[in-house]
């Protein structure tokens, strides 16, 4: 009951991200429970990522708003426990991301913010053609933006977790292939950039069918690089801290 009430206050914004919960003796009196029950409630919330309990002289519990990184971490654990391969994850994205591109092309406000941001990322990709891992990182931000640009909050949350998992694997591939000298050629990088440019153009024009087709074809082509030599690789769940840094980095870039 204590965990449920504190969870409600966090979700409803009555307790804001970064707030410090009252001292445990205050909470014991407020909820009329034992200290053991209160600590069990805090343990539940800590497991859910909604608070972090600090021990020692400066102890207390810090509130954390629900995070997309937590959802991605839990999904990653589920898929990892079922020995799901990254090829399976890639197939899922080939089904759902083109739908996001189509929805983005239907948004009446796409020209005000979404399209300029897509074009800005394409400009950054052009500036990083000679830097394989950097080119990949910016390209993944482009894909994330297409998903967020679909306008449907449920789709953004669900597909966003899939994008986060795929990004971790693709970035690992980019770093390793660049170190080996096997990262795709400059010509192939230009082809990827041209596809991104074309997709942004179709979204801007409101051409739903072509936006969907370009996205689907591009995903099928680009995933072959990540999957080459590792078709049976299993999904692994990044730590929640690493996923949080990914999300924070993207949100900073968005601002």
Protein backbone atom coordinates (compact mmCIF):
# COMPACT_ATOMS: atom_id res chain seq x y z
CA UNK A 1 0.00 0.00 0.00
CA UNK A 2 2.85 2.38 0.83
CA UNK A 3 4.66 1.57 -2.43
CA UNK A 4 1.43 2.04 -4.41
CA UNK A 5 0.74 5.46 -2.89
CA UNK A 6 4.30 6.73 -3.38
CA UNK A 7 4.29 5.33 -6.94
CA UNK A 8 1.06 7.22 -7.66
CA UNK A 9 2.53 10.47 -6.36
CA UNK A 10 5.61 10.02 -8.56
CA UNK A 11 3.61 9.16 -11.69
CA UNK A 12 1.15 12.02 -11.12
CA UNK A 13 3.99 14.49 -10.62
CA UNK A 14 3.21 15.26 -6.99
CA UNK A 15 6.74 14.07 -6.33
CA UNK A 16 9.03 15.47 -9.01
CA UNK A 17 12.14 13.96 -10.52
CA UNK A 18 15.06 14.69 -8.19
CA UNK A 19 12.92 15.35 -5.13
CA UNK A 20 14.09 13.89 -1.85
CA UNK A 21 11.50 11.84 0.02
CA UNK A 22 10.88 12.82 3.65
CA UNK A 23 12.92 11.04 6.30
CA UNK A 24 11.93 7.48 7.03
CA UNK A 25 10.62 8.31 10.51
CA UNK A 26 8.34 10.94 8.97
CA UNK A 27 7.04 8.44 6.39
CA UNK A 28 6.50 5.78 9.09
CA UNK A 29 4.31 8.20 11.00
CA UNK A 30 2.50 9.44 7.90
CA UNK A 31 1.57 5.95 6.68
CA UNK A 32 1.20 4.43 10.16
CA UNK A 33 3.37 1.43 9.28
CA UNK A 34 6.47 -0.19 10.76
CA UNK A 35 9.96 0.77 9.65
CA UNK A 36 10.33 -2.72 8.16
CA UNK A 37 7.24 -2.23 5.98
CA UNK A 38 8.43 1.19 4.85
CA UNK A 39 11.85 -0.14 3.87
CA UNK A 40 10.22 -2.98 1.93
CA UNK A 41 8.10 -0.40 0.08
CA UNK A 42 11.20 1.62 -0.79
CA UNK A 43 12.92 -1.55 -2.00
CA UNK A 44 10.01 -2.18 -4.38
CA UNK A 45 10.22 1.34 -5.76
CA UNK A 46 14.01 1.11 -6.04
CA UNK A 47 13.68 -2.10 -8.07
CA UNK A 48 11.23 -0.29 -10.36
CA UNK A 49 13.72 2.55 -10.81
CA UNK A 50 11.39 5.11 -9.23
CA UNK A 51 13.65 5.92 -6.28
CA UNK A 52 17.27 5.43 -5.37
CA UNK A 53 17.99 4.96 -1.70
CA UNK A 54 21.15 6.58 -0.38
CA UNK A 55 22.78 5.05 2.66
CA UNK A 56 24.96 6.63 5.30
CA UNK A 57 24.92 10.00 7.02
CA UNK A 58 23.44 11.70 3.97
CA UNK A 59 20.89 8.97 3.43
CA UNK A 60 17.45 9.38 1.95
CA UNK A 61 15.49 8.37 -1.11
CA UNK A 62 15.71 10.37 -4.33
CA UNK A 63 12.71 10.33 -6.66
CA UNK A 64 13.09 9.38 -10.33
CA UNK A 65 10.36 9.95 -12.88
CA UNK A 66 9.46 6.88 -14.98
CA UNK A 67 12.16 6.54 -17.64
CA UNK A 68 12.09 5.08 -21.15
CA UNK A 69 15.50 3.59 -20.41
CA UNK A 70 13.95 1.44 -17.68
CA UNK A 71 11.43 0.02 -20.16
CA UNK A 72 14.21 -0.71 -22.66
CA UNK A 73 16.29 -2.40 -19.97
CA UNK A 74 13.42 -4.65 -18.86
CA UNK A 75 12.55 -5.55 -22.45
CA UNK A 76 16.21 -6.33 -23.09
CA UNK A 77 16.27 -8.65 -20.08
CA UNK A 78 13.13 -10.45 -21.27
CA UNK A 79 14.51 -10.95 -24.78
CA UNK A 80 17.93 -11.95 -23.48
CA UNK A 81 16.37 -14.53 -21.13
CA UNK A 82 14.57 -16.04 -24.13
CA UNK A 83 17.81 -16.09 -26.20
CA UNK A 84 16.28 -13.85 -28.88
CA UNK A 85 18.69 -12.90 -31.66
CA UNK A 86 19.30 -9.39 -32.95
CA UNK A 87 18.05 -10.57 -36.36
CA UNK A 88 14.64 -11.03 -34.73
CA UNK A 89 14.84 -7.50 -33.32
CA UNK A 90 15.79 -6.18 -36.74
CA UNK A 91 12.81 -7.92 -38.33
CA UNK A 92 10.49 -6.26 -35.81
CA UNK A 93 11.90 -2.82 -36.64
CA UNK A 94 11.46 -3.47 -40.37
CA UNK A 95 7.75 -3.91 -39.68
CA UNK A 96 7.10 -1.01 -37.31
CA UNK A 97 9.54 1.76 -38.23
CA UNK A 98 8.16 2.26 -41.78
CA UNK A 99 4.74 2.73 -40.17
CA UNK A 100 6.27 5.52 -38.05
CA UNK A 101 7.67 7.16 -41.20
CA UNK A 102 4.21 7.01 -42.79
CA UNK A 103 2.59 8.56 -39.73
CA UNK A 104 5.25 11.28 -39.63
CA UNK A 105 4.40 12.14 -43.25
CA UNK A 106 0.77 12.64 -42.21
CA UNK A 107 1.44 15.07 -39.38
CA UNK A 108 0.04 18.51 -40.21
CA UNK A 109 2.79 20.19 -38.18
CA UNK A 110 5.71 18.19 -39.64
CA UNK A 111 7.16 21.19 -41.49
CA UNK A 112 7.41 23.30 -38.34
CA UNK A 113 9.76 21.17 -36.30
CA UNK A 114 10.17 17.56 -37.42
CA UNK A 115 11.46 18.19 -40.94
CA UNK A 116 13.99 20.88 -39.90
CA UNK A 117 15.37 18.50 -37.25
CA UNK A 118 15.63 15.67 -39.77
CA UNK A 119 17.49 17.96 -42.17
CA UNK A 120 19.81 19.12 -39.41
CA UNK A 121 20.75 15.52 -38.59
CA UNK A 122 21.36 14.84 -42.29
CA UNK A 123 23.67 17.86 -42.39
CA UNK A 124 25.56 16.44 -39.40
CA UNK A 125 25.84 13.05 -41.11
CA UNK A 126 27.33 14.76 -44.17
CA UNK A 127 29.93 16.41 -41.93
CA UNK A 128 30.87 13.03 -40.41
CA UNK A 129 31.19 10.94 -43.55
CA UNK A 130 34.84 10.23 -42.70
CA UNK A 131 34.04 9.10 -39.14
CA UNK A 132 32.31 5.71 -39.28
CA UNK A 133 31.17 5.39 -35.63
CA UNK A 134 30.14 9.06 -35.54
CA UNK A 135 28.23 8.64 -38.81
CA UNK A 136 26.40 5.65 -37.34
CA UNK A 137 25.58 7.46 -34.09
CA UNK A 138 24.03 10.41 -35.93
CA UNK A 139 22.19 8.04 -38.27
CA UNK A 140 20.62 6.29 -35.30
CA UNK A 141 19.44 9.63 -33.96
CA UNK A 142 17.77 10.19 -37.34
CA UNK A 143 15.90 6.88 -36.99
CA UNK A 144 14.90 7.73 -33.42
CA UNK A 145 13.57 11.08 -34.59
CA UNK A 146 11.46 9.44 -37.30
CA UNK A 147 9.88 7.26 -34.60
CA UNK A 148 9.29 10.19 -32.25
CA UNK A 149 7.93 12.17 -35.17
CA UNK A 150 5.05 9.75 -35.70
CA UNK A 151 3.04 11.66 -33.09
CA UNK A 152 1.54 8.62 -31.33
CA UNK A 153 2.78 8.48 -27.74
CA UNK A 154 2.14 4.75 -27.33
CA UNK A 155 4.01 3.88 -30.51
CA UNK A 156 6.85 6.20 -29.53
CA UNK A 157 7.23 4.47 -26.15
CA UNK A 158 7.03 0.92 -27.53
CA UNK A 159 9.05 1.33 -30.73
CA UNK A 160 11.48 3.62 -28.93
CA UNK A 161 12.51 0.75 -26.66
CA UNK A 162 13.20 -1.42 -29.72
CA UNK A 163 15.24 1.39 -31.28
CA UNK A 164 17.29 1.73 -28.11
CA UNK A 165 18.14 -1.96 -28.06
CA UNK A 166 19.05 -1.97 -31.76
CA UNK A 167 21.16 1.18 -31.38
CA UNK A 168 23.34 -0.44 -28.73
CA UNK A 169 24.12 -3.35 -31.06
CA UNK A 170 24.60 -1.23 -34.17
CA UNK A 171 26.95 1.15 -32.37
CA UNK A 172 28.97 -1.80 -31.12
CA UNK A 173 29.19 -3.09 -34.69
CA UNK A 174 30.29 0.37 -35.93
CA UNK A 175 33.03 0.67 -33.33
CA UNK A 176 34.35 -2.84 -33.97
CA UNK A 177 34.20 -2.64 -37.77
CA UNK A 178 35.92 0.75 -37.76
CA UNK A 179 38.69 -0.66 -35.56
CA UNK A 180 39.14 -3.58 -37.97
CA UNK A 181 39.05 -1.32 -41.02
CA UNK A 182 35.96 -3.06 -42.39
CA UNK A 183 33.45 -0.23 -41.94
CA UNK A 184 31.40 0.30 -45.16
CA UNK A 185 33.06 2.38 -47.87
CA UNK A 186 32.62 6.09 -48.38
CA UNK A 187 30.39 5.37 -51.35
CA UNK A 188 28.05 3.25 -49.24
CA UNK A 189 27.93 5.96 -46.58
CA UNK A 190 26.90 8.49 -49.21
CA UNK A 191 24.18 6.10 -50.36
CA UNK A 192 22.85 5.90 -46.79
CA UNK A 193 22.89 9.68 -46.49
CA UNK A 194 21.07 10.06 -49.81
CA UNK A 195 18.36 7.69 -48.58
CA UNK A 196 17.97 9.75 -45.40
CA UNK A 197 17.70 12.88 -47.51
CA UNK A 198 15.05 11.26 -49.68
CA UNK A 199 13.08 10.04 -46.68
CA UNK A 200 13.09 13.50 -45.11
CA UNK A 201 11.94 14.90 -48.45
CA UNK A 202 9.01 12.45 -48.66
CA UNK A 203 7.97 13.18 -45.08
CA UNK A 204 8.06 16.91 -45.84
CA UNK A 205 5.99 16.37 -49.01
CA UNK A 206 3.45 14.29 -47.12
CA UNK A 207 3.98 11.33 -49.46
CA UNK A 208 2.89 8.58 -47.07
CA UNK A 209 3.36 5.60 -49.38
CA UNK A 210 6.84 6.57 -50.57
CA UNK A 211 7.96 7.44 -47.04
CA UNK A 212 6.89 3.97 -45.94
CA UNK A 213 8.58 2.23 -48.89
CA UNK A 214 11.85 4.15 -48.60
CA UNK A 215 12.04 3.45 -44.88
CA UNK A 216 11.38 -0.28 -45.36
CA UNK A 217 13.95 -0.64 -48.13
CA UNK A 218 16.55 1.37 -46.22
CA UNK A 219 16.15 -0.72 -43.06
CA UNK A 220 16.50 -3.95 -45.01
CA UNK A 221 19.67 -2.69 -46.70
CA UNK A 222 21.33 -1.14 -43.66
CA UNK A 223 20.65 -4.04 -41.31
CA UNK A 224 22.62 -6.39 -43.51
CA UNK A 225 25.82 -4.62 -42.43
CA UNK A 226 25.08 -4.96 -38.72
CA UNK A 227 24.07 -8.61 -39.09
CA UNK A 228 26.94 -9.66 -41.36
CA UNK A 229 29.05 -12.27 -39.61
CA UNK A 230 26.82 -12.28 -36.56
CA UNK A 231 23.38 -13.58 -37.66
CA UNK A 232 23.04 -15.72 -34.53
CA UNK A 233 24.14 -13.07 -32.04
CA UNK A 234 21.75 -12.78 -29.11
CA UNK A 235 20.28 -9.59 -27.74
CA UNK A 236 21.96 -8.39 -24.57
CA UNK A 237 20.44 -5.92 -22.15
CA UNK A 238 22.51 -2.83 -21.52
CA UNK A 239 22.70 -1.67 -17.92
CA UNK A 240 19.98 0.77 -16.97
CA UNK A 241 22.67 3.40 -16.32
CA UNK A 242 24.05 3.10 -19.87
CA UNK A 243 20.55 3.25 -21.35
CA UNK A 244 19.81 6.33 -19.26
CA UNK A 245 22.89 8.03 -20.68
CA UNK A 246 21.68 7.17 -24.21
CA UNK A 247 18.29 8.75 -23.58
CA UNK A 248 19.77 11.79 -21.83
CA UNK A 249 22.16 12.33 -24.76
CA UNK A 250 19.30 12.22 -27.25
CA UNK A 251 17.13 14.57 -25.20
CA UNK A 252 20.00 17.06 -24.95
CA UNK A 253 20.49 16.87 -28.72
CA UNK A 254 16.77 17.46 -29.21
CA UNK A 255 16.87 20.58 -27.08
